[in-house]
Amino acid sequence: MKRLFLAPPAGAPTPLSGPVRVFNFTLVCLLLALVFWFSFHQLHYQWNWAAVYKYRHQFVAGWLTTVWISLAALGLSTLIGVSFALGQRSRFLPLRYLSQIYVEAIRGTPLLVQILIFFYVVADAVRVENRYLVGILTLAVFSGAYLTEVIRAGIESVGQSQLESALAIGLTGAQTFRYVVFPQALRQTLPPLAGQFVSLIKDSSLLSVIAISEFTLNAQEVNSYTFSTLESYLPLAAGYLLLTLPISLWTRWLEKRMRFET
């Protein structure tokens, strides 16, 4: 019976079998489904999916908007994170202090406040009226501050002896970073990077405060039309899960692929 519920110890010669994995995963899913079924059943709620179904195109349009906004912000925030992580290690002191101030200021203030300031103050001052552009830039700047620290920690986790060995065999600074530092730093930072990417996608819901027609705002509008709260927000949760789950699974696959004995 223990073999059915307990995983083998780390480094065991016999890995966990497929049927045991499937059994335990199915068991957990059934238990969670039972908990949610019991909770919703106790509400005695009168479901009205027909009213919400009329606005299915609005859900799809909002979800697609969230997809492209999130993808653009993910790419830009990664670029910002790498740039400022290297800036914090720069010998040029103004760049180093600028990077540190950026990280502390962004991480120490709420995203909602940043969205309002960027849109109503900064964007207005430079005459940028495209709210989608402002939303993407704000999300990227916010997430980039967290990615900066994640990437910096990954770079600094590589031992000094490895850097010296790379230089001793004739590698240049760029080659050392590419072939020695980057692969190890990426392996160390994959779990927090995945967590930050998932958070960025969910944080895009705050862009509704500047009237960007993304997934959350459209769900709120459907709720105001139909007065069907659960029917409006349950698809919202499912839609975000559909976006975030592939990122988590992909990073787990990368972790396994890049795992090696030290």
Foldseek 3Di string as FASTA:
>chain_A
DCLLPDFDDPPDPDGNDDVSVVVVVVVVVVVVVVVVVVVVVVVVDDADLVLLVVCVVLLVVQLVLLVVLLVLLLVLLLVLLVVLLVQCVDPPVVSNVVSVVLLCVLVVDDLLVLLCCQQVPVCVVVVNNPLSVSLSVSLSSNLSSVSNVLLNVLQVVQDPVLVVVCVVVPDDPVRCCVPPRVLRSCLRRLVVSLVSSLVSSVVSLSSCVVPDSHNNVSLVVSCVVPVRNCSSCVVVVVSSCVVSVVSVVVSVVVNVVSDDDD
